[in-house]
Amino acid sequence: MTAGRLFLLPAWLSEDTPPADVVPPAVMARIHALDTFVVEDAKSARRFLAACGHPKPMREIAMAQLNEHTPKGQVAALLAPALEGRDLGVFSEAGVPAVADPGALLVAEAHAC
């Protein structure tokens, strides 16, 4: 089985800005195509996905949380969907994940696989 891909996705810095103003069209299309995400906060991620016009109902979108409270020993398990062949998106609370946030742990784990 081929592993899925891990997409590092930008999120808005302010809810006052429409996502289309800060997310390029190709990336927006990728966001719309995904139904499995790792996020810092599920509530704000759902708001962002709704503002992006995600075509699926929020109850059909899988979200696992990765934040400063997530034990490092649980990070590898968050990659399970990708290891099963599904594409997986990662949102940080603001900006692009994997620079100075918990998403960096997930990216490091993905590189180790």
N, C-alpha and C. Protein backbone atom coordinates (compact mmCIF):
# COMPACT_ATOMS: atom_id res chain seq x y z
N MET A 1 0.84 -1.17 0.00
CA MET A 1 0.00 0.00 0.00
C MET A 1 0.89 1.25 0.00
N THR A 2 0.50 2.21 -0.76
CA THR A 2 1.22 3.48 -0.83
C THR A 2 0.75 4.38 0.30
N ALA A 3 1.68 5.01 0.97
CA ALA A 3 1.33 5.94 2.04
C ALA A 3 0.68 7.18 1.46
N GLY A 4 -0.19 7.79 2.24
CA GLY A 4 -0.79 9.06 1.85
C GLY A 4 0.23 10.17 2.01
N ARG A 5 -0.16 11.34 1.60
CA ARG A 5 0.72 12.50 1.68
C ARG A 5 0.32 13.38 2.86
N LEU A 6 1.30 14.07 3.42
CA LEU A 6 1.08 15.01 4.51
C LEU A 6 1.19 16.41 3.93
N PHE A 7 0.11 17.17 3.99
CA PHE A 7 0.08 18.52 3.45
C PHE A 7 0.13 19.54 4.58
N LEU A 8 1.10 20.44 4.53
CA LEU A 8 1.20 21.53 5.49
C LEU A 8 0.42 22.71 4.92
N LEU A 9 -0.67 23.06 5.58
CA LEU A 9 -1.61 24.02 5.03
C LEU A 9 -1.63 25.33 5.81
N PRO A 10 -1.63 26.45 5.10
CA PRO A 10 -1.71 27.73 5.80
C PRO A 10 -3.12 27.97 6.32
N ALA A 11 -3.21 28.68 7.41
CA ALA A 11 -4.50 29.09 7.96
C ALA A 11 -4.46 30.60 8.14
N TRP A 12 -5.62 31.16 8.33
CA TRP A 12 -5.66 32.61 8.46
C TRP A 12 -5.04 33.08 9.77
N LEU A 13 -4.60 34.33 9.75
CA LEU A 13 -4.08 34.96 10.96
C LEU A 13 -5.18 35.75 11.66
N SER A 14 -6.23 36.07 10.91
CA SER A 14 -7.34 36.83 11.46
C SER A 14 -8.63 36.37 10.81
N GLU A 15 -9.64 36.14 11.60
CA GLU A 15 -10.93 35.73 11.05
C GLU A 15 -11.60 36.87 10.29
N ASP A 16 -11.04 38.06 10.37
CA ASP A 16 -11.59 39.20 9.63
C ASP A 16 -11.18 39.16 8.15
N THR A 17 -10.23 38.31 7.81
CA THR A 17 -9.74 38.20 6.44
C THR A 17 -10.34 36.97 5.79
N PRO A 18 -10.99 37.12 4.64
CA PRO A 18 -11.53 35.94 3.95
C PRO A 18 -10.39 34.99 3.55
N PRO A 19 -10.56 33.69 3.76
CA PRO A 19 -9.50 32.74 3.40
C PRO A 19 -9.02 32.88 1.96
N ALA A 20 -9.91 33.19 1.05
CA ALA A 20 -9.52 33.32 -0.36
C ALA A 20 -8.52 34.45 -0.57
N ASP A 21 -8.45 35.39 0.37
CA ASP A 21 -7.48 36.49 0.26
C ASP A 21 -6.07 36.07 0.65
N VAL A 22 -5.93 34.96 1.38
CA VAL A 22 -4.61 34.55 1.86
C VAL A 22 -4.20 33.14 1.44
N VAL A 23 -5.13 32.37 0.92
CA VAL A 23 -4.85 31.00 0.52
C VAL A 23 -4.90 30.92 -1.00
N PRO A 24 -3.80 30.53 -1.65
CA PRO A 24 -3.80 30.43 -3.12
C PRO A 24 -4.85 29.42 -3.61
N PRO A 25 -5.38 29.62 -4.81
CA PRO A 25 -6.43 28.73 -5.32
C PRO A 25 -6.05 27.24 -5.33
N ALA A 26 -4.83 26.91 -5.70
CA ALA A 26 -4.44 25.49 -5.73
C ALA A 26 -4.44 24.90 -4.33
N VAL A 27 -4.04 25.68 -3.35
CA VAL A 27 -4.04 25.19 -1.95
C VAL A 27 -5.47 25.08 -1.45
N MET A 28 -6.33 26.03 -1.83
CA MET A 28 -7.74 25.96 -1.45
C MET A 28 -8.38 24.69 -2.03
N ALA A 29 -8.04 24.35 -3.25
CA ALA A 29 -8.55 23.13 -3.86
C ALA A 29 -8.10 21.90 -3.07
N ARG A 30 -6.86 21.90 -2.60
CA ARG A 30 -6.35 20.79 -1.79
C ARG A 30 -7.12 20.71 -0.47
N ILE A 31 -7.35 21.85 0.17
CA ILE A 31 -8.12 21.87 1.42
C ILE A 31 -9.49 21.26 1.20
N HIS A 32 -10.13 21.63 0.09
CA HIS A 32 -11.47 21.10 -0.22
C HIS A 32 -11.45 19.60 -0.47
N ALA A 33 -10.34 19.08 -0.96
CA ALA A 33 -10.24 17.66 -1.30
C ALA A 33 -9.96 16.77 -0.08
N LEU A 34 -9.42 17.36 0.97
CA LEU A 34 -9.06 16.57 2.15
C LEU A 34 -10.25 16.41 3.10
N ASP A 35 -10.27 15.28 3.79
CA ASP A 35 -11.30 15.08 4.82
C ASP A 35 -10.71 14.60 6.13
N THR A 36 -9.38 14.64 6.24
CA THR A 36 -8.69 14.23 7.45
C THR A 36 -7.61 15.26 7.76
N PHE A 37 -7.65 15.79 8.99
CA PHE A 37 -6.74 16.86 9.37
C PHE A 37 -6.16 16.63 10.76
N VAL A 38 -4.96 17.16 10.98
CA VAL A 38 -4.38 17.29 12.30
C VAL A 38 -4.36 18.79 12.56
N VAL A 39 -4.93 19.20 13.69
CA VAL A 39 -5.11 20.62 13.97
C VAL A 39 -4.71 20.94 15.41
N GLU A 40 -4.41 22.20 15.65
CA GLU A 40 -4.12 22.61 17.04
C GLU A 40 -5.40 22.71 17.85
N ASP A 41 -6.46 23.22 17.24
CA ASP A 41 -7.73 23.40 17.94
C ASP A 41 -8.87 23.07 16.97
N ALA A 42 -9.65 22.05 17.29
CA ALA A 42 -10.70 21.59 16.37
C ALA A 42 -11.76 22.65 16.12
N LYS A 43 -12.14 23.40 17.14
CA LYS A 43 -13.19 24.41 16.99
C LYS A 43 -12.78 25.49 15.98
N SER A 44 -11.57 26.03 16.14
CA SER A 44 -11.14 27.07 15.20
C SER A 44 -10.85 26.48 13.82
N ALA A 45 -10.40 25.23 13.75
CA ALA A 45 -10.18 24.60 12.45
C ALA A 45 -11.49 24.41 11.71
N ARG A 46 -12.56 24.03 12.42
CA ARG A 46 -13.87 23.91 11.78
C ARG A 46 -14.35 25.26 11.25
N ARG A 47 -14.13 26.33 12.03
CA ARG A 47 -14.51 27.67 11.55
C ARG A 47 -13.75 28.02 10.28
N PHE A 48 -12.45 27.73 10.26
CA PHE A 48 -11.64 28.03 9.08
C PHE A 48 -12.12 27.21 7.88
N LEU A 49 -12.35 25.92 8.07
CA LEU A 49 -12.81 25.07 6.96
C LEU A 49 -14.17 25.54 6.44
N ALA A 50 -15.05 25.94 7.33
CA ALA A 50 -16.36 26.45 6.91
C ALA A 50 -16.18 27.75 6.11
N ALA A 51 -15.30 28.62 6.58
CA ALA A 51 -15.04 29.88 5.87
C ALA A 51 -14.41 29.61 4.50
N CYS A 52 -13.66 28.51 4.39
CA CYS A 52 -13.07 28.13 3.10
C CYS A 52 -14.11 27.54 2.15
N GLY A 53 -15.30 27.27 2.67
CA GLY A 53 -16.33 26.66 1.83
C GLY A 53 -16.09 25.17 1.61
N HIS A 54 -15.54 24.50 2.62
CA HIS A 54 -15.28 23.06 2.48
C HIS A 54 -16.59 22.37 2.11
N PRO A 55 -16.56 21.51 1.09
CA PRO A 55 -17.79 20.92 0.58
C PRO A 55 -18.43 19.85 1.48
N LYS A 56 -17.69 19.29 2.41
CA LYS A 56 -18.26 18.25 3.27
C LYS A 56 -18.81 18.85 4.55
N PRO A 57 -19.85 18.22 5.10
CA PRO A 57 -20.31 18.66 6.42
C PRO A 57 -19.21 18.43 7.45
N MET A 58 -19.10 19.31 8.41
CA MET A 58 -18.03 19.23 9.41
C MET A 58 -18.05 17.89 10.16
N ARG A 59 -19.22 17.28 10.33
CA ARG A 59 -19.29 16.00 11.05
C ARG A 59 -18.64 14.86 10.26
N GLU A 60 -18.40 15.06 8.97
CA GLU A 60 -17.76 14.04 8.13
C GLU A 60 -16.25 14.26 7.99
N ILE A 61 -15.74 15.28 8.64
CA ILE A 61 -14.31 15.59 8.56
C ILE A 61 -13.63 15.09 9.84
N ALA A 62 -12.61 14.27 9.67
CA ALA A 62 -11.87 13.75 10.82
C ALA A 62 -10.81 14.75 11.24
N MET A 63 -10.77 15.03 12.54
CA MET A 63 -9.77 15.95 13.08
C MET A 63 -9.15 15.35 14.32
N ALA A 64 -7.83 15.32 14.31
CA ALA A 64 -7.07 14.93 15.50
C ALA A 64 -6.34 16.17 15.98
N GLN A 65 -6.29 16.36 17.27
CA GLN A 65 -5.63 17.55 17.81
C GLN A 65 -4.18 17.27 18.15
N LEU A 66 -3.35 18.23 17.79
CA LEU A 66 -1.93 18.23 18.13
C LEU A 66 -1.61 19.63 18.63
N ASN A 67 -1.38 19.73 19.92
CA ASN A 67 -1.07 21.04 20.49
C ASN A 67 -0.02 20.88 21.59
N GLU A 68 0.20 21.93 22.33
CA GLU A 68 1.25 21.89 23.34
C GLU A 68 0.97 20.90 24.47
N HIS A 69 -0.27 20.41 24.55
CA HIS A 69 -0.64 19.44 25.59
C HIS A 69 -0.53 17.99 25.11
N THR A 70 -0.29 17.79 23.83
CA THR A 70 -0.19 16.44 23.28
C THR A 70 1.14 15.81 23.71
N PRO A 71 1.08 14.66 24.38
CA PRO A 71 2.34 13.99 24.74
C PRO A 71 3.13 13.59 23.50
N LYS A 72 4.43 13.79 23.52
CA LYS A 72 5.27 13.47 22.36
C LYS A 72 5.10 12.01 21.94
N GLY A 73 4.84 11.14 22.88
CA GLY A 73 4.66 9.73 22.57
C GLY A 73 3.40 9.42 21.76
N GLN A 74 2.48 10.39 21.66
CA GLN A 74 1.25 10.19 20.89
C GLN A 74 1.30 10.79 19.49
N VAL A 75 2.37 11.50 19.17
CA VAL A 75 2.46 12.19 17.88
C VAL A 75 2.49 11.19 16.72
N ALA A 76 3.24 10.12 16.83
CA ALA A 76 3.36 9.15 15.73
C ALA A 76 2.01 8.58 15.35
N ALA A 77 1.13 8.36 16.32
CA ALA A 77 -0.20 7.79 16.05
C ALA A 77 -1.05 8.71 15.18
N LEU A 78 -0.76 10.01 15.20
CA LEU A 78 -1.53 10.95 14.38
C LEU A 78 -1.28 10.75 12.89
N LEU A 79 -0.21 10.07 12.55
CA LEU A 79 0.10 9.79 11.14
C LEU A 79 -0.61 8.55 10.62
N ALA A 80 -1.36 7.86 11.45
CA ALA A 80 -2.02 6.62 11.04
C ALA A 80 -2.82 6.75 9.74
N PRO A 81 -3.64 7.79 9.57
CA PRO A 81 -4.37 7.89 8.29
C PRO A 81 -3.45 7.92 7.07
N ALA A 82 -2.36 8.66 7.17
CA ALA A 82 -1.41 8.75 6.04
C ALA A 82 -0.75 7.40 5.80
N LEU A 83 -0.40 6.71 6.88
CA LEU A 83 0.23 5.40 6.73
C LEU A 83 -0.74 4.37 6.17
N GLU A 84 -2.04 4.64 6.30
CA GLU A 84 -3.08 3.77 5.72
C GLU A 84 -3.40 4.15 4.28
N GLY A 85 -2.73 5.18 3.76
CA GLY A 85 -2.92 5.55 2.37
C GLY A 85 -3.76 6.79 2.12
N ARG A 86 -4.26 7.42 3.18
CA ARG A 86 -5.09 8.62 3.00
C ARG A 86 -4.23 9.87 3.12
N ASP A 87 -4.57 10.88 2.34
CA ASP A 87 -3.89 12.17 2.45
C ASP A 87 -4.35 12.85 3.73
N LEU A 88 -3.45 13.61 4.33
CA LEU A 88 -3.68 14.21 5.64
C LEU A 88 -3.23 15.66 5.60
N GLY A 89 -4.08 16.57 6.07
CA GLY A 89 -3.71 17.98 6.13
C GLY A 89 -3.37 18.39 7.54
N VAL A 90 -2.44 19.33 7.68
CA VAL A 90 -2.03 19.84 8.98
C VAL A 90 -2.26 21.35 8.99
N PHE A 91 -3.03 21.82 9.98
CA PHE A 91 -3.24 23.25 10.19
C PHE A 91 -2.61 23.66 11.50
N SER A 92 -1.96 24.79 11.52
CA SER A 92 -1.55 25.38 12.79
C SER A 92 -2.59 26.45 13.12
N GLU A 93 -2.52 27.02 14.29
CA GLU A 93 -3.48 28.04 14.69
C GLU A 93 -3.34 29.31 13.86
N ALA A 94 -2.14 29.63 13.45
CA ALA A 94 -1.93 30.83 12.65
C ALA A 94 -0.70 30.64 11.78
N GLY A 95 -0.88 30.88 10.52
CA GLY A 95 0.26 30.78 9.62
C GLY A 95 0.44 29.38 9.05
N VAL A 96 1.69 29.01 8.81
CA VAL A 96 2.01 27.72 8.20
C VAL A 96 2.59 26.80 9.28
N PRO A 97 2.11 25.54 9.34
CA PRO A 97 2.59 24.64 10.38
C PRO A 97 4.04 24.22 10.20
N ALA A 98 4.59 23.70 11.28
CA ALA A 98 5.90 23.06 11.29
C ALA A 98 7.06 24.03 11.34
N VAL A 99 6.84 25.24 11.74
CA VAL A 99 7.95 26.16 11.91
C VAL A 99 8.22 26.31 13.40
N ALA A 100 7.29 26.87 14.13
CA ALA A 100 7.47 27.07 15.57
C ALA A 100 6.19 26.68 16.30
N ASP A 101 5.65 25.53 15.96
CA ASP A 101 4.43 25.07 16.60
C ASP A 101 4.46 23.55 16.71
N PRO A 102 3.44 22.95 17.29
CA PRO A 102 3.45 21.49 17.46
C PRO A 102 3.49 20.71 16.14
N GLY A 103 3.09 21.32 15.03
CA GLY A 103 3.15 20.65 13.73
C GLY A 103 4.55 20.20 13.37
N ALA A 104 5.55 20.87 13.91
CA ALA A 104 6.93 20.49 13.64
C ALA A 104 7.21 19.08 14.13
N LEU A 105 6.60 18.69 15.23
CA LEU A 105 6.78 17.33 15.74
C LEU A 105 6.21 16.30 14.78
N LEU A 106 5.05 16.62 14.19
CA LEU A 106 4.41 15.71 13.24
C LEU A 106 5.24 15.57 11.97
N VAL A 107 5.77 16.67 11.48
CA VAL A 107 6.61 16.63 10.28
C VAL A 107 7.87 15.82 10.54
N ALA A 108 8.49 16.01 11.69
CA ALA A 108 9.68 15.23 12.03
C ALA A 108 9.36 13.75 12.08
N GLU A 109 8.21 13.41 12.65
CA GLU A 109 7.79 12.01 12.73
C GLU A 109 7.54 11.44 11.33
N ALA A 110 6.93 12.24 10.46
CA ALA A 110 6.67 11.78 9.08
C ALA A 110 7.98 11.51 8.35
N HIS A 111 8.98 12.35 8.57
CA HIS A 111 10.28 12.14 7.94
C HIS A 111 10.94 10.87 8.45
N ALA A 112 10.65 10.51 9.68
CA ALA A 112 11.26 9.31 10.26
C ALA A 112 10.62 8.02 9.75
N CYS A 113 9.41 8.12 9.18
CA CYS A 113 8.71 6.91 8.69
C CYS A 113 9.32 6.37 7.41
